[in-house]
């Protein structure tokens, strides 16, 4: 089934996309894609290589701290 995976933090959507999720493996794949998208966005938003190196070790976990993940069927 198609489902929307949405991640919000402090009332702001930080990731939202529709994925095919039928079982644990496809759910895991959707989460992996979301993780990669958040990581890429985080890296692309850095203003310099110095800032990138400073924040590289924090990763996506810090971004997700306090976030809410919801899944809704889309039809």
PDB file of N, CA and C in Angstrom:
ATOM      1  N   UNK A   1       0.828  -1.166   0.000  1.00  0.00           N
ATOM      2  CA  UNK A   1       0.000   0.000   0.000  1.00  0.00           C
ATOM      3  C   UNK A   1       0.880   1.240   0.000  1.00  0.00           C
ATOM      4  N   UNK A   2       0.383   2.275  -0.582  1.00  0.00           N
ATOM      5  CA  UNK A   2       1.098   3.542  -0.564  1.00  0.00           C
ATOM      6  C   UNK A   2       0.765   4.269   0.731  1.00  0.00           C
ATOM      7  N   UNK A   3       1.808   4.818   1.348  1.00  0.00           N
ATOM      8  CA  UNK A   3       1.619   5.534   2.602  1.00  0.00           C
ATOM      9  C   UNK A   3       2.553   6.738   2.638  1.00  0.00           C
ATOM     10  N   UNK A   4       2.078   7.782   3.276  1.00  0.00           N
ATOM     11  CA  UNK A   4       2.888   8.978   3.436  1.00  0.00           C
ATOM     12  C   UNK A   4       3.631   8.883   4.762  1.00  0.00           C
ATOM     13  N   UNK A   5       4.943   9.014   4.695  1.00  0.00           N
ATOM     14  CA  UNK A   5       5.772   9.064   5.874  1.00  0.00           C
ATOM     15  C   UNK A   5       6.145  10.532   6.068  1.00  0.00           C
ATOM     16  N   UNK A   6       5.783  11.089   7.206  1.00  0.00           N
ATOM     17  CA  UNK A   6       6.026  12.509   7.460  1.00  0.00           C
ATOM     18  C   UNK A   6       6.751  12.662   8.792  1.00  0.00           C
ATOM     19  N   UNK A   7       7.775  13.497   8.785  1.00  0.00           N
ATOM     20  CA  UNK A   7       8.542  13.766   9.997  1.00  0.00           C
ATOM     21  C   UNK A   7       8.412  15.253  10.297  1.00  0.00           C
ATOM     22  N   UNK A   8       7.957  15.560  11.509  1.00  0.00           N
ATOM     23  CA  UNK A   8       7.816  16.954  11.924  1.00  0.00           C
ATOM     24  C   UNK A   8       8.621  17.180  13.198  1.00  0.00           C
ATOM     25  N   UNK A   9       9.090  18.408  13.324  1.00  0.00           N
ATOM     26  CA  UNK A   9       9.812  18.794  14.528  1.00  0.00           C
ATOM     27  C   UNK A   9       9.422  20.223  14.859  1.00  0.00           C
ATOM     28  N   UNK A  10       8.981  20.424  16.071  1.00  0.00           N
ATOM     29  CA  UNK A  10       8.548  21.752  16.523  1.00  0.00           C
ATOM     30  C   UNK A  10       7.492  22.348  15.593  1.00  0.00           C
ATOM     31  N   UNK A  11       6.585  21.507  15.093  1.00  0.00           N
ATOM     32  CA  UNK A  11       5.498  21.961  14.240  1.00  0.00           C
ATOM     33  C   UNK A  11       5.870  22.202  12.791  1.00  0.00           C
ATOM     34  N   UNK A  12       7.121  21.940  12.419  1.00  0.00           N
ATOM     35  CA  UNK A  12       7.585  22.140  11.050  1.00  0.00           C
ATOM     36  C   UNK A  12       7.857  20.791  10.397  1.00  0.00           C
ATOM     37  N   UNK A  13       7.361  20.600   9.190  1.00  0.00           N
ATOM     38  CA  UNK A  13       7.625  19.362   8.451  1.00  0.00           C
ATOM     39  C   UNK A  13       9.069  19.392   7.961  1.00  0.00           C
ATOM     40  N   UNK A  14       9.854  18.406   8.376  1.00  0.00           N
ATOM     41  CA  UNK A  14      11.240  18.343   7.917  1.00  0.00           C
ATOM     42  C   UNK A  14      11.446  17.278   6.841  1.00  0.00           C
ATOM     43  N   UNK A  15      10.456  16.394   6.684  1.00  0.00           N
ATOM     44  CA  UNK A  15      10.480  15.423   5.577  1.00  0.00           C
ATOM     45  C   UNK A  15       9.073  14.886   5.372  1.00  0.00           C
ATOM     46  N   UNK A  16       8.703  14.748   4.125  1.00  0.00           N
ATOM     47  CA  UNK A  16       7.413  14.156   3.790  1.00  0.00           C
ATOM     48  C   UNK A  16       7.502  13.569   2.388  1.00  0.00           C
ATOM     49  N   UNK A  17       7.107  12.313   2.264  1.00  0.00           N
ATOM     50  CA  UNK A  17       7.092  11.666   0.955  1.00  0.00           C
ATOM     51  C   UNK A  17       6.178  10.446   1.020  1.00  0.00           C
ATOM     52  N   UNK A  18       5.778   9.963  -0.141  1.00  0.00           N
ATOM     53  CA  UNK A  18       4.913   8.793  -0.236  1.00  0.00           C
ATOM     54  C   UNK A  18       5.769   7.604  -0.672  1.00  0.00           C
ATOM     55  N   UNK A  19       5.581   6.489   0.022  1.00  0.00           N
ATOM     56  CA  UNK A  19       6.357   5.278  -0.227  1.00  0.00           C
ATOM     57  C   UNK A  19       5.415   4.091  -0.345  1.00  0.00           C
ATOM     58  N   UNK A  20       5.875   3.061  -1.025  1.00  0.00           N
ATOM     59  CA  UNK A  20       5.164   1.786  -1.077  1.00  0.00           C
ATOM     60  C   UNK A  20       5.610   0.994   0.143  1.00  0.00           C
ATOM     61  N   UNK A  21       4.671   0.741   1.073  1.00  0.00           N
ATOM     62  CA  UNK A  21       5.000   0.018   2.302  1.00  0.00           C
ATOM     63  C   UNK A  21       4.020  -1.130   2.479  1.00  0.00           C
ATOM     64  N   UNK A  22       4.531  -2.343   2.333  1.00  0.00           N
ATOM     65  CA  UNK A  22       3.698  -3.534   2.468  1.00  0.00           C
ATOM     66  C   UNK A  22       4.132  -4.445   3.599  1.00  0.00           C
ATOM     67  N   UNK A  23       5.372  -4.267   4.071  1.00  0.00           N
ATOM     68  CA  UNK A  23       5.907  -5.148   5.106  1.00  0.00           C
ATOM     69  C   UNK A  23       7.044  -4.439   5.829  1.00  0.00           C
ATOM     70  N   UNK A  24       7.680  -5.155   6.733  1.00  0.00           N
ATOM     71  CA  UNK A  24       8.758  -4.557   7.530  1.00  0.00           C
ATOM     72  C   UNK A  24       9.926  -4.102   6.657  1.00  0.00           C
ATOM     73  N   UNK A  25      10.234  -4.877   5.626  1.00  0.00           N
ATOM     74  CA  UNK A  25      11.350  -4.503   4.755  1.00  0.00           C
ATOM     75  C   UNK A  25      11.076  -3.217   3.993  1.00  0.00           C
ATOM     76  N   UNK A  26       9.876  -3.077   3.440  1.00  0.00           N
ATOM     77  CA  UNK A  26       9.564  -1.862   2.688  1.00  0.00           C
ATOM     78  C   UNK A  26       9.427  -0.660   3.624  1.00  0.00           C
ATOM     79  N   UNK A  27       8.977  -0.880   4.861  1.00  0.00           N
ATOM     80  CA  UNK A  27       8.943   0.200   5.848  1.00  0.00           C
ATOM     81  C   UNK A  27      10.368   0.642   6.175  1.00  0.00           C
ATOM     82  N   UNK A  28      11.253  -0.326   6.382  1.00  0.00           N
ATOM     83  CA  UNK A  28      12.657  -0.016   6.656  1.00  0.00           C
ATOM     84  C   UNK A  28      13.301   0.731   5.509  1.00  0.00           C
ATOM     85  N   UNK A  29      12.984   0.343   4.282  1.00  0.00           N
ATOM     86  CA  UNK A  29      13.528   1.027   3.108  1.00  0.00           C
ATOM     87  C   UNK A  29      13.039   2.473   3.062  1.00  0.00           C
ATOM     88  N   UNK A  30      11.763   2.700   3.359  1.00  0.00           N
ATOM     89  CA  UNK A  30      11.217   4.058   3.372  1.00  0.00           C
ATOM     90  C   UNK A  30      11.927   4.908   4.425  1.00  0.00           C
ATOM     91  N   UNK A  31      12.158   4.339   5.589  1.00  0.00           N
ATOM     92  CA  UNK A  31      12.864   5.073   6.644  1.00  0.00           C
ATOM     93  C   UNK A  31      14.307   5.365   6.237  1.00  0.00           C
ATOM     94  N   UNK A  32      14.934   4.422   5.563  1.00  0.00           N
ATOM     95  CA  UNK A  32      16.303   4.619   5.086  1.00  0.00           C
ATOM     96  C   UNK A  32      16.375   5.751   4.058  1.00  0.00           C
ATOM     97  N   UNK A  33      15.417   5.786   3.158  1.00  0.00           N
ATOM     98  CA  UNK A  33      15.369   6.856   2.149  1.00  0.00           C
ATOM     99  C   UNK A  33      15.143   8.204   2.833  1.00  0.00           C
ATOM    100  N   UNK A  34      14.255   8.239   3.808  1.00  0.00           N
ATOM    101  CA  UNK A  34      14.001   9.484   4.543  1.00  0.00           C
ATOM    102  C   UNK A  34      15.267   9.937   5.268  1.00  0.00           C
ATOM    103  N   UNK A  35      15.958   9.002   5.916  1.00  0.00           N
ATOM    104  CA  UNK A  35      17.207   9.305   6.620  1.00  0.00           C
ATOM    105  C   UNK A  35      18.217   9.911   5.655  1.00  0.00           C
ATOM    106  N   UNK A  36      18.381   9.276   4.490  1.00  0.00           N
ATOM    107  CA  UNK A  36      19.337   9.767   3.496  1.00  0.00           C
ATOM    108  C   UNK A  36      18.964  11.162   2.997  1.00  0.00           C
ATOM    109  N   UNK A  37      17.683  11.404   2.809  1.00  0.00           N
ATOM    110  CA  UNK A  37      17.227  12.719   2.354  1.00  0.00           C
ATOM    111  C   UNK A  37      17.517  13.789   3.409  1.00  0.00           C
ATOM    112  N   UNK A  38      17.273  13.470   4.673  1.00  0.00           N
ATOM    113  CA  UNK A  38      17.571  14.415   5.742  1.00  0.00           C
ATOM    114  C   UNK A  38      19.066  14.679   5.837  1.00  0.00           C
ATOM    115  N   UNK A  39      19.855  13.647   5.695  1.00  0.00           N
ATOM    116  CA  UNK A  39      21.326  13.778   5.737  1.00  0.00           C
ATOM    117  C   UNK A  39      21.816  14.648   4.585  1.00  0.00           C
ATOM    118  N   UNK A  40      21.310  14.403   3.397  1.00  0.00           N
ATOM    119  CA  UNK A  40      21.728  15.193   2.230  1.00  0.00           C
ATOM    120  C   UNK A  40      21.344  16.662   2.411  1.00  0.00           C
ATOM    121  N   UNK A  41      20.150  16.898   2.914  1.00  0.00           N
ATOM    122  CA  UNK A  41      19.721  18.284   3.132  1.00  0.00           C
ATOM    123  C   UNK A  41      20.610  18.968   4.166  1.00  0.00           C
ATOM    124  N   UNK A  42      20.925  18.245   5.230  1.00  0.00           N
ATOM    125  CA  UNK A  42      21.784  18.794   6.273  1.00  0.00           C
ATOM    126  C   UNK A  42      23.154  19.166   5.702  1.00  0.00           C
ATOM    127  N   UNK A  43      23.718  18.309   4.896  1.00  0.00           N
ATOM    128  CA  UNK A  43      25.030  18.566   4.315  1.00  0.00           C
ATOM    129  C   UNK A  43      24.980  19.703   3.299  1.00  0.00           C
ATOM    130  N   UNK A  44      23.907  19.774   2.517  1.00  0.00           N
ATOM    131  CA  UNK A  44      23.785  20.827   1.510  1.00  0.00           C
ATOM    132  C   UNK A  44      23.571  22.207   2.111  1.00  0.00           C
ATOM    133  N   UNK A  45      23.060  22.268   3.338  1.00  0.00           N
ATOM    134  CA  UNK A  45      22.790  23.553   3.970  1.00  0.00           C
ATOM    135  C   UNK A  45      24.001  24.162   4.661  1.00  0.00           C
ATOM    136  N   UNK A  46      25.088  23.407   4.775  1.00  0.00           N
ATOM    137  CA  UNK A  46      26.289  23.956   5.413  1.00  0.00           C
ATOM    138  C   UNK A  46      26.876  25.071   4.554  1.00  0.00           C
ATOM    139  N   UNK A  47      27.376  26.090   5.220  1.00  0.00           N
ATOM    140  CA  UNK A  47      27.864  27.281   4.511  1.00  0.00           C
ATOM    141  C   UNK A  47      29.327  27.200   4.122  1.00  0.00           C
ATOM    142  N   UNK A  48      30.068  26.290   4.734  1.00  0.00           N
ATOM    143  CA  UNK A  48      31.492  26.162   4.422  1.00  0.00           C
ATOM    144  C   UNK A  48      31.968  24.758   4.771  1.00  0.00           C
ATOM    145  N   UNK A  49      33.142  24.423   4.296  1.00  0.00           N
ATOM    146  CA  UNK A  49      33.702  23.107   4.607  1.00  0.00           C
ATOM    147  C   UNK A  49      34.006  23.002   6.098  1.00  0.00           C
ATOM    148  N   UNK A  50      34.380  24.113   6.711  1.00  0.00           N
ATOM    149  CA  UNK A  50      34.633  24.119   8.153  1.00  0.00           C
ATOM    150  C   UNK A  50      33.377  23.801   8.940  1.00  0.00           C
ATOM    151  N   UNK A  51      32.269  24.435   8.554  1.00  0.00           N
ATOM    152  CA  UNK A  51      30.989  24.161   9.216  1.00  0.00           C
ATOM    153  C   UNK A  51      30.573  22.715   8.988  1.00  0.00           C
ATOM    154  N   UNK A  52      30.795  22.221   7.791  1.00  0.00           N
ATOM    155  CA  UNK A  52      30.466  20.832   7.483  1.00  0.00           C
ATOM    156  C   UNK A  52      31.245  19.884   8.386  1.00  0.00           C
ATOM    157  N   UNK A  53      32.538  20.097   8.516  1.00  0.00           N
ATOM    158  CA  UNK A  53      33.363  19.216   9.338  1.00  0.00           C
ATOM    159  C   UNK A  53      32.954  19.311  10.819  1.00  0.00           C
ATOM    160  N   UNK A  54      32.533  20.486  11.240  1.00  0.00           N
ATOM    161  CA  UNK A  54      32.123  20.679  12.625  1.00  0.00           C
ATOM    162  C   UNK A  54      30.836  19.923  12.950  1.00  0.00           C
ATOM    163  N   UNK A  55      29.932  19.836  11.980  1.00  0.00           N
ATOM    164  CA  UNK A  55      28.622  19.219  12.211  1.00  0.00           C
ATOM    165  C   UNK A  55      28.512  17.786  11.700  1.00  0.00           C
ATOM    166  N   UNK A  56      29.516  17.318  10.999  1.00  0.00           N
ATOM    167  CA  UNK A  56      29.448  15.999  10.370  1.00  0.00           C
ATOM    168  C   UNK A  56      29.223  14.879  11.382  1.00  0.00           C
ATOM    169  N   UNK A  57      29.816  14.987  12.551  1.00  0.00           N
ATOM    170  CA  UNK A  57      29.693  13.905  13.527  1.00  0.00           C
ATOM    171  C   UNK A  57      28.340  13.882  14.234  1.00  0.00           C
ATOM    172  N   UNK A  58      27.588  14.980  14.187  1.00  0.00           N
ATOM    173  CA  UNK A  58      26.290  15.015  14.872  1.00  0.00           C
ATOM    174  C   UNK A  58      25.240  14.203  14.144  1.00  0.00           C
ATOM    175  N   UNK A  59      25.259  14.261  12.842  1.00  0.00           N
ATOM    176  CA  UNK A  59      24.366  13.443  12.048  1.00  0.00           C
ATOM    177  C   UNK A  59      22.888  13.739  12.195  1.00  0.00           C
ATOM    178  N   UNK A  60      22.117  12.847  11.663  1.00  0.00           N
ATOM    179  CA  UNK A  60      20.678  12.991  11.585  1.00  0.00           C
ATOM    180  C   UNK A  60      20.008  12.747  12.938  1.00  0.00           C
ATOM    181  N   UNK A  61      20.635  11.968  13.803  1.00  0.00           N
ATOM    182  CA  UNK A  61      20.016  11.685  15.100  1.00  0.00           C
ATOM    183  C   UNK A  61      19.716  12.956  15.876  1.00  0.00           C
ATOM    184  N   UNK A  62      20.640  13.912  15.852  1.00  0.00           N
ATOM    185  CA  UNK A  62      20.383  15.183  16.535  1.00  0.00           C
ATOM    186  C   UNK A  62      19.207  15.912  15.902  1.00  0.00           C
ATOM    187  N   UNK A  63      19.121  15.844  14.584  1.00  0.00           N
ATOM    188  CA  UNK A  63      18.016  16.484  13.879  1.00  0.00           C
ATOM    189  C   UNK A  63      16.679  15.841  14.264  1.00  0.00           C
ATOM    190  N   UNK A  64      16.681  14.525  14.465  1.00  0.00           N
ATOM    191  CA  UNK A  64      15.450  13.804  14.781  1.00  0.00           C
ATOM    192  C   UNK A  64      15.077  13.825  16.269  1.00  0.00           C
ATOM    193  N   UNK A  65      15.973  14.290  17.110  1.00  0.00           N
ATOM    194  CA  UNK A  65      15.679  14.341  18.544  1.00  0.00           C
ATOM    195  C   UNK A  65      14.460  15.226  18.774  1.00  0.00           C
ATOM    196  N   UNK A  66      13.413  14.652  19.342  1.00  0.00           N
ATOM    197  CA  UNK A  66      12.180  15.383  19.607  1.00  0.00           C
ATOM    198  C   UNK A  66      11.229  15.456  18.421  1.00  0.00           C
ATOM    199  N   UNK A  67      11.565  14.783  17.325  1.00  0.00           N
ATOM    200  CA  UNK A  67      10.714  14.810  16.129  1.00  0.00           C
ATOM    201  C   UNK A  67       9.572  13.805  16.274  1.00  0.00           C
ATOM    202  N   UNK A  68       8.537  14.014  15.475  1.00  0.00           N
ATOM    203  CA  UNK A  68       7.393  13.106  15.457  1.00  0.00           C
ATOM    204  C   UNK A  68       7.301  12.502  14.046  1.00  0.00           C
ATOM    205  N   UNK A  69       7.157  11.191  13.982  1.00  0.00           N
ATOM    206  CA  UNK A  69       7.044  10.491  12.704  1.00  0.00           C
ATOM    207  C   UNK A  69       5.622   9.939  12.605  1.00  0.00           C
ATOM    208  N   UNK A  70       4.945  10.268  11.502  1.00  0.00           N
ATOM    209  CA  UNK A  70       3.590   9.746  11.280  1.00  0.00           C
ATOM    210  C   UNK A  70       3.538   9.056   9.933  1.00  0.00           C
ATOM    211  N   UNK A  71       2.646   8.055   9.862  1.00  0.00           N
ATOM    212  CA  UNK A  71       2.421   7.315   8.632  1.00  0.00           C
ATOM    213  C   UNK A  71       0.925   7.310   8.377  1.00  0.00           C
ATOM    214  N   UNK A  72       0.531   7.726   7.166  1.00  0.00           N
ATOM    215  CA  UNK A  72      -0.869   7.757   6.783  1.00  0.00           C
ATOM    216  C   UNK A  72      -1.052   7.069   5.441  1.00  0.00           C
ATOM    217  N   UNK A  73      -2.041   6.181   5.351  1.00  0.00           N
ATOM    218  CA  UNK A  73      -2.359   5.542   4.065  1.00  0.00           C
ATOM    219  C   UNK A  73      -2.841   6.602   3.093  1.00  0.00           C
ATOM    220  N   UNK A  74      -2.449   6.466   1.832  1.00  0.00           N
ATOM    221  CA  UNK A  74      -2.820   7.470   0.828  1.00  0.00           C
ATOM    222  C   UNK A  74      -3.813   6.946  -0.190  1.00  0.00           C
ATOM    223  N   UNK A  75      -4.260   5.760  -0.075  1.00  0.00           N
ATOM    224  CA  UNK A  75      -5.281   5.275  -0.991  1.00  0.00           C
ATOM    225  C   UNK A  75      -4.899   4.070  -1.654  1.00  0.00           C
TER     226      UNK A  75
END
